[in-house]
Amino acid sequence: MIRAAVILGNLGRILLIVGIAMLICLAWSLAYHESVAISILQAAALTILCGLLLSRLSAQNAPMNFKEGFALVSLGWVLVSVFGTLPYLLSGYVASFADAFFETVSGFTTTGASVISDVEGLPRGLLFWRSLTQWLGGMGIIVLLVAMIARMGARAKQLFKAEVPGPVSENISPRIHDNARKLWITYLVVSALCTISLVACGMDFFDALCNTFTTVATGGFSTKNTGIGFYESPPIEWALTFFMFISGVNFALHFFTFKKRSLLVYWKNAEFKLYAGIVTIVSLLVFLCLYSPSQSSHWGDNLRAAFFQIVSIVTTTGFTTEDYNFWPHLGTALILLMMFVGGCSGSTGGGIKPGRYLIILLRAVIELKKMIHPKAVLPLRYGGRLINDDLLFNVLQFFFLYIIFIAIGMLYLTALGLDIVSSLSATATCLGNIGPGIGLVGPMQNFFFIPDSGKYVLSILMLVGRLEIYPLLVLFLPSFWRE
């Protein structure tokens, strides 16, 4: 039985977190004497009021079953996306609800696709809100709720599993509350180090903080119209490349590395090795595409551009320094291909995840061995764990559903008038929570020109991708709502 009061009460607590986050943005507006401060205050007040009213519907320690957990996660992401539009709409900087909803969903899901043409025209309060939505969405608002409330009991496990991405997760401790708390502490430490690094590289504090939020969250929103390319700074680009890369790694590995004080923790993880291998090999291939013997003096720029852009796309951050639409065709094709990789399980990155590819690859190797030794018993092991048939089926099913959503999104956008390449890349970049696509939605363009119905479809794809399909899809099963 699903109890509406329990779900609504916890939705209220989530809104309280969002409302408090808006007050932080209000502080920036007040510091710079911006008129938008009134609009942000109104948005925060309305969000907090609704949060307080809803939170009174259930006790903080009310038990929650797995159905209520899935409903809370799915509805929670939709609700914060709706209330997150308020600063944009009340300030008047985004005119339509469709645009504001797209921008907000893109923020919370860490996609980074935008409909705002003049980002630099936004007041600092809204720029900070835009970046903060990505930082909150990166590790997950529901995970933050679990980390803050110690007595969530068994329901914490359902919420944690429904929101933390990936087929297999590393256990930090048996207690889910401790897991959530330690992941957020690690997240804060990485964020602090990134901010310090960017300031040391010459970026001003406000931009450094905003870009940190969107880097560590692998989101990709920038405070400049031309993105990271605005700074024309090799140190900044290399620093961001490094932090994008580690943000695409399972944050539990960062915690264990710090705890054991050994980098071998990374190398013992099979998914990390595949992830690092893909990034290195493809970056070098792109470098060879960009390198020209007649301009050999620019090899350093080519190497930096290759690693920056591939790391950005693989981790689903979506930062850009140049327009890869004008790269050699092989380079652009590799960018499109990398949109279907994603960051590691348990990272802030979106996409399919290397772990899933690894499970399929290991299974394929076993099938090949069975062709030679039909009677052999060859268990499928991943990361030292035995992968049962249920998990293997779940991974295969995920691939199938992912392709179905890609096909639906591509066909719908094509019907709206986009060319096939732009439709495919727009769908892939939104479902994979990446940001920029190829063609009409390339790195130097945005999504403003897409009709409102297309923006709503892409917004749904962002949510589906962030929650990895199942938590949202299960709500549409009639059996889910039966007692």
Protein backbone atom coordinates (compact mmCIF):
# COMPACT_ATOMS: atom_id res chain seq x y z
CA MET A 1 0.00 0.00 0.00
CA ILE A 2 1.30 3.44 -0.95
CA ARG A 3 0.60 6.13 1.65
CA ALA A 4 0.35 9.57 0.09
CA ALA A 5 1.00 11.33 3.41
CA VAL A 6 4.42 9.67 3.82
CA ILE A 7 5.47 10.60 0.28
CA LEU A 8 4.15 14.16 0.51
CA GLY A 9 5.81 14.69 3.90
CA ASN A 10 9.21 13.75 2.53
CA LEU A 11 8.61 15.78 -0.63
CA GLY A 12 8.13 18.72 1.71
CA ARG A 13 11.53 18.10 3.31
CA ILE A 14 13.12 18.03 -0.13
CA LEU A 15 11.49 21.38 -0.94
CA LEU A 16 12.93 22.81 2.27
CA ILE A 17 16.43 21.92 1.03
CA VAL A 18 15.70 23.62 -2.31
CA GLY A 19 14.26 26.70 -0.60
CA ILE A 20 17.30 27.08 1.65
CA ALA A 21 19.52 26.76 -1.44
CA MET A 22 17.61 29.67 -2.98
CA LEU A 23 18.39 31.76 0.10
CA ILE A 24 22.10 31.19 -0.54
CA CYS A 25 21.60 32.65 -4.02
CA LEU A 26 19.73 35.54 -2.44
CA ALA A 27 22.87 36.38 -0.44
CA TRP A 28 24.84 36.84 -3.69
CA SER A 29 22.16 39.11 -5.13
CA LEU A 30 22.10 41.22 -1.98
CA ALA A 31 25.89 41.44 -1.97
CA TYR A 32 25.85 42.86 -5.51
CA HIS A 33 22.72 45.02 -4.93
CA GLU A 34 20.75 43.26 -7.67
CA SER A 35 17.05 43.96 -8.13
CA VAL A 36 16.53 40.25 -8.82
CA ALA A 37 16.97 39.68 -5.07
CA ILE A 38 13.25 40.35 -4.55
CA SER A 39 12.30 37.64 -7.06
CA ILE A 40 14.69 35.13 -5.51
CA LEU A 41 13.31 35.93 -2.04
CA GLN A 42 9.76 35.37 -3.30
CA ALA A 43 10.79 32.06 -4.89
CA ALA A 44 12.53 30.92 -1.71
CA ALA A 45 9.62 31.95 0.51
CA LEU A 46 7.07 30.12 -1.64
CA THR A 47 9.23 26.99 -1.83
CA ILE A 48 9.92 26.92 1.92
CA LEU A 49 6.24 27.58 2.73
CA CYS A 50 5.11 24.68 0.54
CA GLY A 51 7.86 22.54 2.03
CA LEU A 52 6.75 23.31 5.59
CA LEU A 53 3.10 22.57 4.81
CA LEU A 54 3.89 19.25 3.13
CA SER A 55 6.45 18.14 5.74
CA ARG A 56 3.77 18.32 8.45
CA LEU A 57 1.81 15.54 6.72
CA SER A 58 4.09 12.78 8.03
CA ALA A 59 6.52 12.24 10.89
CA GLN A 60 10.22 12.53 10.08
CA ASN A 61 10.83 8.93 11.16
CA ALA A 62 7.79 7.39 9.45
CA PRO A 63 8.75 4.03 7.87
CA MET A 64 8.68 3.77 4.09
CA ASN A 65 8.27 0.72 1.86
CA PHE A 66 10.09 0.21 -1.44
CA LYS A 67 7.15 1.46 -3.55
CA GLU A 68 6.99 4.68 -1.58
CA GLY A 69 10.76 5.02 -1.96
CA PHE A 70 10.58 4.80 -5.75
CA ALA A 71 7.64 7.20 -5.86
CA LEU A 72 9.45 9.70 -3.64
CA VAL A 73 12.61 9.67 -5.78
CA SER A 74 10.74 10.07 -9.07
CA LEU A 75 8.22 12.64 -7.86
CA GLY A 76 10.93 14.45 -5.90
CA TRP A 77 12.96 15.14 -9.04
CA VAL A 78 9.90 16.37 -10.90
CA LEU A 79 8.82 18.58 -8.00
CA VAL A 80 12.21 20.27 -7.51
CA SER A 81 12.33 20.89 -11.26
CA VAL A 82 8.96 22.66 -11.11
CA PHE A 83 9.84 24.80 -8.07
CA GLY A 84 13.30 25.42 -9.47
CA THR A 85 11.72 27.41 -12.30
CA LEU A 86 10.52 30.11 -9.87
CA PRO A 87 13.72 32.23 -9.76
CA TYR A 88 13.80 32.32 -13.57
CA LEU A 89 10.10 33.06 -14.04
CA LEU A 90 9.59 35.56 -11.21
CA SER A 91 12.66 37.54 -12.27
CA GLY A 92 11.47 37.65 -15.88
CA TYR A 93 14.83 36.54 -17.28
CA VAL A 94 13.18 33.44 -18.75
CA ALA A 95 9.83 34.23 -20.32
CA SER A 96 8.07 30.87 -20.78
CA PHE A 97 7.50 27.96 -18.43
CA ALA A 98 8.74 25.51 -21.09
CA ASP A 99 12.10 27.30 -21.25
CA ALA A 100 12.37 27.67 -17.46
CA PHE A 101 11.45 24.01 -16.92
CA PHE A 102 13.99 22.86 -19.52
CA GLU A 103 16.74 24.99 -17.94
CA THR A 104 15.90 23.79 -14.43
CA VAL A 105 15.66 20.11 -15.35
CA SER A 106 18.94 20.50 -17.25
CA GLY A 107 20.44 21.93 -14.08
CA PHE A 108 19.24 19.40 -11.52
CA THR A 109 19.94 16.43 -13.81
CA THR A 110 23.43 17.88 -14.53
CA THR A 111 22.76 17.82 -18.26
CA GLY A 112 23.96 21.33 -19.06
CA ALA A 113 21.85 21.87 -22.18
CA SER A 114 20.60 25.46 -22.18
CA VAL A 115 17.97 27.70 -23.76
CA ILE A 116 19.56 30.94 -22.50
CA SER A 117 21.41 32.72 -25.31
CA ASP A 118 23.06 35.45 -23.23
CA VAL A 119 24.29 33.78 -20.06
CA GLU A 120 26.49 36.76 -19.20
CA GLY A 121 23.36 38.93 -19.13
CA LEU A 122 22.02 37.07 -16.09
CA PRO A 123 22.50 38.65 -12.64
CA ARG A 124 24.87 36.85 -10.29
CA GLY A 125 22.05 35.56 -8.11
CA LEU A 126 20.57 33.64 -11.04
CA LEU A 127 23.98 32.52 -12.31
CA PHE A 128 24.68 31.08 -8.88
CA TRP A 129 21.26 29.38 -8.76
CA ARG A 130 21.88 27.92 -12.21
CA SER A 131 25.19 26.42 -11.05
CA LEU A 132 23.89 25.38 -7.63
CA THR A 133 21.09 23.31 -9.18
CA GLN A 134 23.76 21.22 -10.87
CA TRP A 135 25.81 20.82 -7.71
CA LEU A 136 22.76 19.70 -5.72
CA GLY A 137 21.70 17.34 -8.49
CA GLY A 138 25.19 15.92 -8.94
CA MET A 139 25.36 13.79 -5.82
CA GLY A 140 21.58 13.84 -5.55
CA ILE A 141 19.08 15.78 -3.46
CA ILE A 142 17.53 12.54 -2.20
CA VAL A 143 20.96 11.27 -1.11
CA LEU A 144 21.44 14.59 0.69
CA LEU A 145 18.12 14.03 2.46
CA VAL A 146 19.28 10.55 3.52
CA ALA A 147 22.59 12.00 4.74
CA MET A 148 20.83 14.68 6.80
CA ILE A 149 18.22 12.45 8.45
CA ALA A 150 19.93 9.77 10.52
CA ARG A 151 16.81 7.78 11.46
CA MET A 152 15.43 6.92 8.06
CA GLY A 153 15.89 3.20 8.70
CA ALA A 154 15.12 0.68 5.97
CA ARG A 155 13.63 3.29 3.64
CA ALA A 156 17.07 4.89 3.25
CA LYS A 157 18.31 1.89 1.29
CA GLN A 158 15.45 2.17 -1.21
CA LEU A 159 16.03 5.89 -1.72
CA PHE A 160 19.81 5.47 -1.98
CA LYS A 161 19.61 2.66 -4.55
CA ALA A 162 16.97 4.44 -6.60
CA GLU A 163 19.07 7.59 -7.00
CA VAL A 164 22.74 6.53 -7.01
CA PRO A 165 23.53 5.55 -10.61
CA GLY A 166 25.14 2.40 -11.89
CA PRO A 167 24.64 -1.39 -12.02
CA VAL A 168 26.92 -2.19 -9.06
CA SER A 169 27.89 0.18 -6.26
CA GLU A 170 30.77 0.10 -3.80
CA ASN A 171 29.80 -0.18 -0.14
CA ILE A 172 31.43 2.35 2.16
CA SER A 173 29.67 0.98 5.22
CA PRO A 174 26.67 -1.26 5.92
CA ARG A 175 24.63 1.75 7.04
CA ILE A 176 23.07 3.66 4.15
CA HIS A 177 22.97 6.87 6.19
CA ASP A 178 26.73 6.63 6.68
CA ASN A 179 27.19 5.92 2.97
CA ALA A 180 25.26 9.03 2.00
CA ARG A 181 27.04 11.20 4.56
CA LYS A 182 30.52 10.05 3.54
CA LEU A 183 29.76 10.46 -0.16
CA TRP A 184 28.63 14.04 0.46
CA ILE A 185 31.72 14.76 2.57
CA THR A 186 33.92 13.46 -0.25
CA TYR A 187 31.89 15.57 -2.67
CA LEU A 188 32.51 18.67 -0.55
CA VAL A 189 36.25 17.97 -0.31
CA VAL A 190 36.61 17.53 -4.09
CA SER A 191 34.58 20.72 -4.61
CA ALA A 192 36.82 22.69 -2.26
CA LEU A 193 39.98 21.44 -3.98
CA CYS A 194 38.56 22.32 -7.40
CA THR A 195 37.67 25.86 -6.29
CA ILE A 196 41.13 26.42 -4.83
CA SER A 197 42.76 25.12 -8.02
CA LEU A 198 40.72 27.37 -10.31
CA VAL A 199 41.42 30.45 -8.19
CA ALA A 200 45.13 29.55 -8.22
CA CYS A 201 44.94 29.35 -12.03
CA GLY A 202 43.65 32.92 -12.23
CA MET A 203 39.86 32.60 -12.23
CA ASP A 204 37.94 35.02 -10.00
CA PHE A 205 36.25 33.51 -6.93
CA PHE A 206 32.64 33.75 -8.14
CA ASP A 207 33.39 32.11 -11.49
CA ALA A 208 35.62 29.55 -9.77
CA LEU A 209 32.83 28.58 -7.37
CA CYS A 210 30.18 28.37 -10.09
CA ASN A 211 32.44 26.39 -12.41
CA THR A 212 33.39 24.10 -9.53
CA PHE A 213 29.72 23.33 -8.90
CA THR A 214 29.22 22.39 -12.54
CA THR A 215 32.54 20.53 -12.88
CA VAL A 216 32.33 18.28 -9.83
CA ALA A 217 28.67 17.62 -10.64
CA THR A 218 29.70 16.91 -14.28
CA GLY A 219 27.03 19.41 -15.27
CA GLY A 220 28.62 21.83 -17.72
CA PHE A 221 26.78 25.11 -17.10
CA SER A 222 29.16 28.05 -17.40
CA THR A 223 28.99 31.69 -16.41
CA LYS A 224 30.25 32.75 -19.86
CA ASN A 225 28.58 32.67 -23.28
CA THR A 226 31.57 30.93 -24.86
CA GLY A 227 32.00 28.53 -21.96
CA ILE A 228 35.47 27.66 -20.71
CA GLY A 229 36.94 28.92 -23.98
CA PHE A 230 36.30 32.44 -22.68
CA TYR A 231 39.29 32.24 -20.32
CA GLU A 232 41.82 31.17 -22.99
CA SER A 233 43.90 29.68 -20.19
CA PRO A 234 45.76 26.35 -20.56
CA PRO A 235 46.18 25.98 -16.74
CA ILE A 236 42.42 26.40 -16.22
CA GLU A 237 41.65 23.87 -18.96
CA TRP A 238 44.07 21.28 -17.58
CA ALA A 239 42.75 21.82 -14.04
CA LEU A 240 39.17 21.33 -15.23
CA THR A 241 40.19 18.27 -17.25
CA PHE A 242 41.62 16.70 -14.10
CA PHE A 243 38.58 17.47 -11.93
CA MET A 244 36.13 16.40 -14.63
CA PHE A 245 38.01 13.11 -14.86
CA ILE A 246 37.97 12.38 -11.11
CA SER A 247 34.32 13.47 -10.90
CA GLY A 248 33.53 10.77 -13.43
CA VAL A 249 35.00 8.19 -11.04
CA ASN A 250 33.02 6.35 -8.37
CA PHE A 251 33.14 8.67 -5.33
CA ALA A 252 33.37 5.66 -3.04
CA LEU A 253 36.78 4.96 -4.61
CA HIS A 254 37.91 8.47 -3.67
CA PHE A 255 36.81 7.81 -0.09
CA PHE A 256 38.63 4.47 0.08
CA THR A 257 41.76 5.96 -1.52
CA PHE A 258 41.87 8.68 1.14
CA LYS A 259 41.12 6.18 3.90
CA LYS A 260 43.78 3.66 2.80
CA ARG A 261 46.15 6.32 1.44
CA SER A 262 46.87 4.22 -1.64
CA LEU A 263 46.26 4.96 -5.32
CA LEU A 264 46.11 1.21 -5.92
CA VAL A 265 42.45 1.39 -4.88
CA TYR A 266 41.70 2.92 -8.27
CA TRP A 267 43.75 0.44 -10.26
CA LYS A 268 42.14 -2.56 -8.56
CA ASN A 269 38.73 -1.41 -9.81
CA ALA A 270 37.87 -2.96 -13.19
CA GLU A 271 35.43 -0.23 -14.19
CA PHE A 272 37.97 2.50 -13.47
CA LYS A 273 40.56 0.79 -15.67
CA LEU A 274 38.10 0.57 -18.56
CA TYR A 275 37.04 4.20 -18.01
CA ALA A 276 40.64 5.47 -17.90
CA GLY A 277 41.56 3.35 -20.91
CA ILE A 278 38.69 4.69 -23.03
CA VAL A 279 39.51 8.30 -22.13
CA THR A 280 43.23 7.88 -22.87
CA ILE A 281 42.93 5.96 -26.14
CA VAL A 282 40.14 8.07 -27.63
CA SER A 283 41.82 11.34 -26.57
CA LEU A 284 45.01 10.26 -28.35
CA LEU A 285 43.00 9.33 -31.46
CA VAL A 286 41.38 12.77 -31.47
CA PHE A 287 44.81 14.35 -30.99
CA LEU A 288 46.03 12.53 -34.11
CA CYS A 289 42.96 13.82 -35.98
CA LEU A 290 43.68 17.40 -34.95
CA TYR A 291 47.45 17.28 -35.37
CA SER A 292 48.87 18.77 -38.54
CA PRO A 293 52.59 18.40 -39.45
CA SER A 294 52.46 21.85 -41.04
CA GLN A 295 51.46 23.31 -37.65
CA SER A 296 53.57 21.11 -35.40
CA SER A 297 54.20 24.00 -33.02
CA HIS A 298 50.53 23.76 -31.94
CA TRP A 299 50.73 20.11 -30.84
CA GLY A 300 50.33 21.14 -27.18
CA ASP A 301 47.10 23.00 -27.95
CA ASN A 302 45.81 20.01 -29.92
CA LEU A 303 46.64 17.60 -27.09
CA ARG A 304 44.92 19.82 -24.53
CA ALA A 305 41.83 20.26 -26.73
CA ALA A 306 41.60 16.51 -27.36
CA PHE A 307 41.83 15.50 -23.69
CA PHE A 308 39.60 18.34 -22.48
CA GLN A 309 36.80 17.60 -24.95
CA ILE A 310 36.87 13.81 -24.65
CA VAL A 311 36.97 13.90 -20.84
CA SER A 312 34.14 16.45 -20.93
CA ILE A 313 31.93 14.25 -23.12
CA VAL A 314 32.76 10.88 -21.53
CA THR A 315 32.10 12.20 -18.02
CA THR A 316 28.94 13.91 -19.38
CA THR A 317 30.12 17.30 -18.13
CA GLY A 318 29.63 19.06 -21.45
CA PHE A 319 32.15 21.88 -21.13
CA THR A 320 33.52 23.12 -24.45
CA THR A 321 36.49 25.20 -25.53
CA GLU A 322 35.95 25.03 -29.29
CA ASP A 323 33.39 23.94 -31.88
CA TYR A 324 34.01 20.28 -32.65
CA ASN A 325 31.45 20.53 -35.47
CA PHE A 326 34.40 21.81 -37.52
CA TRP A 327 36.80 19.07 -36.52
CA PRO A 328 37.79 16.35 -39.03
CA HIS A 329 34.89 13.91 -39.49
CA LEU A 330 36.59 11.16 -37.47
CA GLY A 331 37.02 13.51 -34.51
CA THR A 332 33.34 14.52 -34.58
CA ALA A 333 32.31 10.87 -34.95
CA LEU A 334 34.35 9.96 -31.87
CA ILE A 335 32.60 12.73 -29.93
CA LEU A 336 29.22 11.26 -30.91
CA LEU A 337 30.37 7.77 -29.96
CA MET A 338 31.60 8.94 -26.55
CA MET A 339 28.11 10.25 -25.78
CA PHE A 340 27.13 6.61 -25.25
CA VAL A 341 29.82 5.84 -22.65
CA GLY A 342 29.26 7.88 -19.48
CA GLY A 343 31.02 8.18 -16.14
CA CYS A 344 31.60 5.34 -13.68
CA SER A 345 28.90 3.86 -11.46
CA GLY A 346 28.57 5.89 -8.28
CA SER A 347 30.00 9.03 -9.91
CA THR A 348 28.13 12.22 -10.73
CA GLY A 349 28.38 11.34 -14.44
CA GLY A 350 25.41 10.23 -16.51
CA GLY A 351 25.27 7.93 -19.51
CA ILE A 352 25.23 4.16 -19.84
CA LYS A 353 28.31 3.62 -17.60
CA PRO A 354 31.49 1.62 -18.39
CA GLY A 355 30.46 -0.94 -15.76
CA ARG A 356 27.51 -2.06 -17.85
CA TYR A 357 29.68 -2.40 -20.95
CA LEU A 358 32.16 -4.41 -18.91
CA ILE A 359 29.49 -6.84 -17.69
CA ILE A 360 28.30 -7.40 -21.27
CA LEU A 361 31.88 -7.80 -22.49
CA LEU A 362 32.72 -10.33 -19.77
CA ARG A 363 29.57 -12.28 -20.57
CA ALA A 364 30.49 -12.31 -24.27
CA VAL A 365 33.94 -13.71 -23.41
CA ILE A 366 32.32 -16.47 -21.35
CA GLU A 367 30.03 -17.39 -24.25
CA LEU A 368 33.04 -17.60 -26.59
CA LYS A 369 34.85 -19.87 -24.12
CA LYS A 370 31.77 -22.09 -23.87
CA MET A 371 31.87 -22.60 -27.62
CA ILE A 372 35.28 -24.23 -27.10
CA HIS A 373 34.44 -25.95 -23.79
CA PRO A 374 30.65 -26.59 -23.84
CA LYS A 375 30.60 -28.36 -20.45
CA ALA A 376 32.67 -25.77 -18.61
CA VAL A 377 31.09 -23.92 -15.68
CA LEU A 378 32.26 -20.33 -16.00
CA PRO A 379 30.75 -17.91 -13.47
CA LEU A 380 30.51 -14.24 -14.37
CA ARG A 381 32.50 -12.16 -11.90
CA TYR A 382 32.75 -8.39 -11.76
CA GLY A 383 34.83 -6.51 -9.22
CA GLY A 384 35.30 -9.68 -7.19
CA ARG A 385 31.55 -10.31 -7.06
CA LEU A 386 29.49 -13.01 -8.69
CA ILE A 387 27.04 -11.50 -11.18
CA ASN A 388 23.81 -13.48 -11.15
CA ASP A 389 21.41 -13.83 -14.06
CA ASP A 390 19.01 -11.26 -12.60
CA LEU A 391 21.62 -8.49 -12.67
CA LEU A 392 22.80 -9.53 -16.14
CA PHE A 393 19.20 -9.40 -17.38
CA ASN A 394 18.79 -5.99 -15.74
CA VAL A 395 21.84 -4.67 -17.63
CA LEU A 396 20.61 -6.09 -20.96
CA GLN A 397 17.16 -4.66 -20.33
CA PHE A 398 18.68 -1.26 -19.57
CA PHE A 399 20.52 -1.27 -22.92
CA PHE A 400 17.29 -2.20 -24.71
CA LEU A 401 15.25 0.54 -23.03
CA TYR A 402 18.04 3.07 -23.62
CA ILE A 403 17.93 2.36 -27.36
CA ILE A 404 14.12 2.62 -27.34
CA PHE A 405 14.23 6.06 -25.70
CA ILE A 406 16.92 7.20 -28.16
CA ALA A 407 14.74 6.08 -31.06
CA ILE A 408 11.59 7.77 -29.71
CA GLY A 409 13.37 11.05 -29.01
CA MET A 410 15.16 11.09 -32.37
CA LEU A 411 11.98 10.38 -34.34
CA TYR A 412 10.01 13.02 -32.44
CA LEU A 413 12.62 15.74 -33.00
CA THR A 414 12.93 14.75 -36.66
CA ALA A 415 9.16 15.13 -36.97
CA LEU A 416 9.54 18.67 -35.57
CA GLY A 417 11.90 19.53 -38.44
CA LEU A 418 15.41 18.84 -37.10
CA ASP A 419 17.86 16.96 -39.29
CA ILE A 420 18.69 13.37 -38.33
CA VAL A 421 22.18 14.12 -36.93
CA SER A 422 20.91 16.98 -34.76
CA SER A 423 17.92 14.90 -33.61
CA LEU A 424 20.11 11.93 -32.69
CA SER A 425 22.71 14.00 -30.86
CA ALA A 426 20.09 16.11 -29.05
CA THR A 427 18.36 12.96 -27.82
CA ALA A 428 21.64 11.26 -26.87
CA THR A 429 22.99 14.32 -25.08
CA CYS A 430 19.80 14.80 -23.03
CA LEU A 431 19.25 11.13 -22.19
CA GLY A 432 22.93 10.82 -21.29
CA ASN A 433 22.87 14.11 -19.30
CA ILE A 434 25.75 15.51 -21.38
CA GLY A 435 24.72 18.98 -22.63
CA PRO A 436 26.01 19.98 -26.06
CA GLY A 437 25.31 17.83 -29.09
CA ILE A 438 26.32 17.92 -32.73
CA GLY A 439 24.88 19.92 -35.60
CA LEU A 440 22.16 22.44 -34.72
CA VAL A 441 22.60 21.70 -31.00
CA GLY A 442 26.41 21.82 -31.14
CA PRO A 443 28.76 23.35 -28.56
CA MET A 444 28.34 26.92 -29.83
CA GLN A 445 24.54 26.69 -30.19
CA ASN A 446 21.73 26.03 -27.72
CA PHE A 447 18.25 24.49 -27.53
CA PHE A 448 16.22 27.72 -27.64
CA PHE A 449 15.00 27.19 -31.22
CA ILE A 450 13.39 23.81 -30.47
CA PRO A 451 9.55 24.00 -30.18
CA ASP A 452 8.08 23.80 -26.67
CA SER A 453 6.80 20.25 -27.16
CA GLY A 454 10.33 19.19 -28.08
CA LYS A 455 11.71 20.88 -24.96
CA TYR A 456 9.26 18.96 -22.78
CA VAL A 457 10.21 15.68 -24.45
CA LEU A 458 13.92 16.41 -23.96
CA SER A 459 13.25 17.42 -20.33
CA ILE A 460 11.58 14.05 -19.74
CA LEU A 461 14.56 12.32 -21.34
CA MET A 462 16.91 14.18 -18.98
CA LEU A 463 14.94 12.95 -15.96
CA VAL A 464 14.75 9.42 -17.36
CA GLY A 465 18.51 9.42 -17.93
CA ARG A 466 19.38 10.87 -14.50
CA LEU A 467 17.24 8.27 -12.71
CA GLU A 468 18.44 5.53 -15.06
CA ILE A 469 15.02 4.75 -16.52
CA TYR A 470 13.48 2.36 -13.98
CA PRO A 471 12.39 4.64 -11.09
CA LEU A 472 10.36 6.82 -13.47
CA LEU A 473 9.12 4.02 -15.72
CA VAL A 474 7.85 1.92 -12.82
CA LEU A 475 5.34 4.65 -11.90
CA PHE A 476 3.44 3.93 -15.11
CA LEU A 477 2.84 0.26 -14.24
CA PRO A 478 -0.74 -0.26 -12.93
CA SER A 479 0.55 -3.01 -10.62
CA PHE A 480 2.81 -0.48 -8.88
CA TRP A 481 -0.21 1.37 -7.49
CA ARG A 482 -2.17 -1.72 -6.45
CA GLU A 483 -2.10 -2.89 -2.84
